[in-house]
Amino acid sequence: MAERNKERSAETQQEGYLAIRLRGLMSVGAGNVFASTVIAGLLLGFLVDRWLDIAPIAMLLGGLLGFIGGMRNAHRLMIAKHNDDNV
C-alpha cells in the first residue's frame, strides 16, 4: 500500500501543474454537461410547445428527458475520470 502511494506521488510530480489542474476540470465538465443537457431539453420542449400551441407538456417532458440524459452523460464522464485515475 505504501509503495502504491509513493508511485502515485512520483507520477503526480512528473505530471506537472497543468496536467493536475486539467484532470480536476473533468468534474467541472461533468457539471457543465449536465446543466447544458437540461437547458437544451427545456428549450426544445418550449419550442415544441409554442409550435404545437399546447400546454407546457412538451417543456416538462423535455426537462425530464434532459435531466435523465444529463445524469447519464455526467455519470459517464465521472466513470471515465475514475478509470483514468486508476490507470
N, C-alpha and C. Protein backbone atom coordinates (compact mmCIF):
# COMPACT_ATOMS: atom_id res chain seq x y z
N MET A 1 0.82 -1.19 0.00
CA MET A 1 0.00 0.00 0.00
C MET A 1 0.87 1.25 0.00
N ALA A 2 1.93 1.24 0.80
CA ALA A 2 2.81 2.39 0.86
C ALA A 2 3.54 2.59 -0.46
N GLU A 3 3.90 1.47 -1.12
CA GLU A 3 4.55 1.58 -2.43
C GLU A 3 3.63 2.20 -3.45
N ARG A 4 2.36 1.86 -3.37
CA ARG A 4 1.37 2.42 -4.31
C ARG A 4 1.26 3.93 -4.14
N ASN A 5 1.25 4.41 -2.89
CA ASN A 5 1.18 5.84 -2.63
C ASN A 5 2.44 6.54 -3.11
N LYS A 6 3.61 5.90 -2.94
CA LYS A 6 4.86 6.50 -3.41
C LYS A 6 4.86 6.59 -4.93
N GLU A 7 4.35 5.55 -5.59
CA GLU A 7 4.28 5.57 -7.05
C GLU A 7 3.35 6.68 -7.52
N ARG A 8 2.21 6.82 -6.86
CA ARG A 8 1.24 7.84 -7.24
C ARG A 8 1.82 9.25 -7.04
N SER A 9 2.54 9.46 -5.92
CA SER A 9 3.13 10.78 -5.69
C SER A 9 4.24 11.06 -6.68
N ALA A 10 4.98 10.02 -7.08
CA ALA A 10 6.01 10.21 -8.10
C ALA A 10 5.37 10.55 -9.45
N GLU A 11 4.25 9.91 -9.77
CA GLU A 11 3.55 10.22 -11.02
C GLU A 11 3.03 11.65 -10.99
N THR A 12 2.52 12.07 -9.83
CA THR A 12 2.00 13.43 -9.70
C THR A 12 3.10 14.45 -9.90
N GLN A 13 4.27 14.17 -9.37
CA GLN A 13 5.38 15.11 -9.53
C GLN A 13 5.84 15.15 -10.98
N GLN A 14 5.76 14.06 -11.71
CA GLN A 14 6.18 14.03 -13.10
C GLN A 14 5.14 14.67 -14.01
N GLU A 15 3.87 14.64 -13.63
CA GLU A 15 2.82 15.17 -14.49
C GLU A 15 2.92 16.66 -14.70
N GLY A 16 3.18 17.37 -13.65
CA GLY A 16 3.26 18.81 -13.75
C GLY A 16 1.97 19.46 -13.30
N TYR A 17 2.08 20.75 -13.09
CA TYR A 17 0.97 21.52 -12.54
C TYR A 17 -0.23 21.54 -13.48
N LEU A 18 -0.02 21.78 -14.76
CA LEU A 18 -1.11 21.92 -15.71
C LEU A 18 -1.88 20.62 -15.88
N ALA A 19 -1.20 19.51 -15.93
CA ALA A 19 -1.88 18.22 -16.09
C ALA A 19 -2.77 17.91 -14.89
N ILE A 20 -2.30 18.25 -13.70
CA ILE A 20 -3.10 18.01 -12.49
C ILE A 20 -4.34 18.87 -12.52
N ARG A 21 -4.21 20.13 -12.91
CA ARG A 21 -5.36 21.03 -12.97
C ARG A 21 -6.35 20.61 -14.04
N LEU A 22 -5.87 20.15 -15.18
CA LEU A 22 -6.76 19.71 -16.24
C LEU A 22 -7.54 18.47 -15.83
N ARG A 23 -6.91 17.58 -15.05
CA ARG A 23 -7.61 16.42 -14.55
C ARG A 23 -8.74 16.83 -13.61
N GLY A 24 -8.51 17.87 -12.83
CA GLY A 24 -9.55 18.37 -11.92
C GLY A 24 -10.71 19.01 -12.65
N LEU A 25 -10.48 19.51 -13.85
CA LEU A 25 -11.55 20.14 -14.61
C LEU A 25 -12.55 19.15 -15.18
N MET A 26 -12.24 17.86 -15.14
CA MET A 26 -13.18 16.86 -15.61
C MET A 26 -14.46 16.89 -14.78
N SER A 27 -14.34 17.13 -13.49
CA SER A 27 -15.52 17.21 -12.63
C SER A 27 -16.36 18.42 -12.97
N VAL A 28 -15.71 19.53 -13.25
CA VAL A 28 -16.43 20.73 -13.66
C VAL A 28 -17.10 20.49 -15.00
N GLY A 29 -16.44 19.78 -15.88
CA GLY A 29 -17.01 19.47 -17.19
C GLY A 29 -18.26 18.62 -17.06
N ALA A 30 -18.29 17.71 -16.11
CA ALA A 30 -19.47 16.87 -15.90
C ALA A 30 -20.65 17.72 -15.46
N GLY A 31 -20.42 18.69 -14.61
CA GLY A 31 -21.49 19.59 -14.19
C GLY A 31 -22.00 20.45 -15.33
N ASN A 32 -21.08 20.92 -16.15
CA ASN A 32 -21.49 21.72 -17.31
C ASN A 32 -22.28 20.90 -18.31
N VAL A 33 -21.87 19.66 -18.52
CA VAL A 33 -22.61 18.78 -19.44
C VAL A 33 -24.01 18.54 -18.91
N PHE A 34 -24.13 18.31 -17.61
CA PHE A 34 -25.45 18.09 -17.01
C PHE A 34 -26.34 19.31 -17.20
N ALA A 35 -25.82 20.48 -16.84
CA ALA A 35 -26.63 21.71 -16.94
C ALA A 35 -27.02 22.02 -18.38
N SER A 36 -26.10 21.87 -19.30
CA SER A 36 -26.42 22.19 -20.70
C SER A 36 -27.42 21.21 -21.28
N THR A 37 -27.39 19.95 -20.87
CA THR A 37 -28.35 18.98 -21.36
C THR A 37 -29.75 19.29 -20.84
N VAL A 38 -29.86 19.66 -19.58
CA VAL A 38 -31.16 20.02 -19.02
C VAL A 38 -31.70 21.28 -19.70
N ILE A 39 -30.86 22.28 -19.90
CA ILE A 39 -31.29 23.51 -20.55
C ILE A 39 -31.71 23.24 -21.99
N ALA A 40 -30.98 22.40 -22.69
CA ALA A 40 -31.34 22.06 -24.07
C ALA A 40 -32.69 21.35 -24.11
N GLY A 41 -32.93 20.43 -23.19
CA GLY A 41 -34.22 19.74 -23.14
C GLY A 41 -35.37 20.69 -22.87
N LEU A 42 -35.16 21.62 -21.94
CA LEU A 42 -36.20 22.61 -21.64
C LEU A 42 -36.45 23.53 -22.83
N LEU A 43 -35.39 23.95 -23.49
CA LEU A 43 -35.54 24.84 -24.64
C LEU A 43 -36.26 24.15 -25.80
N LEU A 44 -35.88 22.92 -26.08
CA LEU A 44 -36.57 22.18 -27.15
C LEU A 44 -38.03 21.94 -26.80
N GLY A 45 -38.32 21.63 -25.55
CA GLY A 45 -39.70 21.46 -25.11
C GLY A 45 -40.49 22.74 -25.24
N PHE A 46 -39.88 23.86 -24.90
CA PHE A 46 -40.53 25.16 -25.03
C PHE A 46 -40.86 25.46 -26.49
N LEU A 47 -39.92 25.18 -27.38
CA LEU A 47 -40.16 25.43 -28.80
C LEU A 47 -41.26 24.53 -29.36
N VAL A 48 -41.30 23.28 -28.93
CA VAL A 48 -42.37 22.38 -29.37
C VAL A 48 -43.71 22.86 -28.82
N ASP A 49 -43.74 23.33 -27.59
CA ASP A 49 -44.97 23.88 -27.01
C ASP A 49 -45.48 25.07 -27.82
N ARG A 50 -44.58 25.95 -28.19
CA ARG A 50 -45.00 27.12 -28.98
C ARG A 50 -45.44 26.71 -30.37
N TRP A 51 -44.77 25.74 -30.96
CA TRP A 51 -45.09 25.30 -32.31
C TRP A 51 -46.46 24.61 -32.36
N LEU A 52 -46.73 23.73 -31.39
CA LEU A 52 -47.99 23.00 -31.38
C LEU A 52 -49.08 23.71 -30.59
N ASP A 53 -48.76 24.81 -29.94
CA ASP A 53 -49.70 25.60 -29.15
C ASP A 53 -50.42 24.73 -28.12
N ILE A 54 -49.61 24.04 -27.32
CA ILE A 54 -50.16 23.20 -26.25
C ILE A 54 -49.65 23.69 -24.91
N ALA A 55 -50.18 23.12 -23.86
CA ALA A 55 -49.75 23.47 -22.50
C ALA A 55 -48.28 23.07 -22.33
N PRO A 56 -47.69 23.38 -21.22
CA PRO A 56 -46.24 23.10 -21.05
C PRO A 56 -45.91 21.62 -20.91
N ILE A 57 -46.65 20.78 -21.61
CA ILE A 57 -46.40 19.34 -21.52
C ILE A 57 -45.05 18.99 -22.14
N ALA A 58 -44.79 19.51 -23.33
CA ALA A 58 -43.53 19.20 -24.02
C ALA A 58 -42.34 19.77 -23.25
N MET A 59 -42.52 20.92 -22.62
CA MET A 59 -41.42 21.51 -21.85
C MET A 59 -41.10 20.64 -20.63
N LEU A 60 -42.13 20.14 -19.98
CA LEU A 60 -41.90 19.26 -18.84
C LEU A 60 -41.24 17.96 -19.28
N LEU A 61 -41.72 17.39 -20.37
CA LEU A 61 -41.11 16.17 -20.87
C LEU A 61 -39.67 16.42 -21.33
N GLY A 62 -39.43 17.55 -21.99
CA GLY A 62 -38.07 17.89 -22.41
C GLY A 62 -37.15 18.08 -21.22
N GLY A 63 -37.65 18.73 -20.16
CA GLY A 63 -36.85 18.89 -18.95
C GLY A 63 -36.55 17.57 -18.28
N LEU A 64 -37.54 16.68 -18.26
CA LEU A 64 -37.33 15.35 -17.67
C LEU A 64 -36.32 14.54 -18.48
N LEU A 65 -36.49 14.55 -19.81
CA LEU A 65 -35.53 13.83 -20.65
C LEU A 65 -34.14 14.46 -20.59
N GLY A 66 -34.07 15.78 -20.49
CA GLY A 66 -32.79 16.46 -20.34
C GLY A 66 -32.12 16.10 -19.02
N PHE A 67 -32.92 15.99 -17.96
CA PHE A 67 -32.38 15.60 -16.66
C PHE A 67 -31.82 14.18 -16.71
N ILE A 68 -32.58 13.28 -17.31
CA ILE A 68 -32.13 11.88 -17.40
C ILE A 68 -30.88 11.78 -18.26
N GLY A 69 -30.90 12.46 -19.41
CA GLY A 69 -29.72 12.44 -20.29
C GLY A 69 -28.52 13.11 -19.66
N GLY A 70 -28.74 14.19 -18.94
CA GLY A 70 -27.65 14.88 -18.27
C GLY A 70 -27.02 14.04 -17.18
N MET A 71 -27.85 13.34 -16.41
CA MET A 71 -27.31 12.45 -15.38
C MET A 71 -26.50 11.32 -16.03
N ARG A 72 -27.01 10.80 -17.13
CA ARG A 72 -26.31 9.71 -17.82
C ARG A 72 -24.95 10.18 -18.35
N ASN A 73 -24.94 11.36 -18.99
CA ASN A 73 -23.69 11.87 -19.54
C ASN A 73 -22.69 12.25 -18.45
N ALA A 74 -23.17 12.87 -17.38
CA ALA A 74 -22.28 13.25 -16.28
C ALA A 74 -21.72 11.99 -15.61
N HIS A 75 -22.55 10.98 -15.46
CA HIS A 75 -22.07 9.72 -14.86
C HIS A 75 -21.01 9.09 -15.75
N ARG A 76 -21.23 9.12 -17.05
CA ARG A 76 -20.25 8.56 -17.99
C ARG A 76 -18.91 9.30 -17.88
N LEU A 77 -18.96 10.62 -17.77
CA LEU A 77 -17.72 11.39 -17.62
C LEU A 77 -17.01 11.10 -16.31
N MET A 78 -17.78 10.96 -15.24
CA MET A 78 -17.16 10.68 -13.94
C MET A 78 -16.56 9.28 -13.91
N ILE A 79 -17.20 8.31 -14.57
CA ILE A 79 -16.63 6.97 -14.65
C ILE A 79 -15.34 7.01 -15.45
N ALA A 80 -15.31 7.78 -16.54
CA ALA A 80 -14.10 7.90 -17.34
C ALA A 80 -12.97 8.53 -16.52
N LYS A 81 -13.30 9.54 -15.70
CA LYS A 81 -12.30 10.17 -14.84
C LYS A 81 -11.79 9.17 -13.81
N HIS A 82 -12.70 8.40 -13.24
CA HIS A 82 -12.30 7.39 -12.24
C HIS A 82 -11.38 6.34 -12.87
N ASN A 83 -11.69 5.91 -14.08
CA ASN A 83 -10.85 4.92 -14.75
C ASN A 83 -9.48 5.50 -15.10
N ASP A 84 -9.43 6.79 -15.46
CA ASP A 84 -8.14 7.43 -15.74
C ASP A 84 -7.29 7.54 -14.47
N ASP A 85 -7.93 7.78 -13.34
CA ASP A 85 -7.19 7.89 -12.08
C ASP A 85 -6.60 6.54 -11.66
N ASN A 86 -7.26 5.45 -11.99
CA ASN A 86 -6.81 4.14 -11.57
C ASN A 86 -5.74 3.56 -12.49
N VAL A 87 -5.52 4.15 -13.64
CA VAL A 87 -4.55 3.61 -14.58
C VAL A 87 -3.16 4.00 -14.19
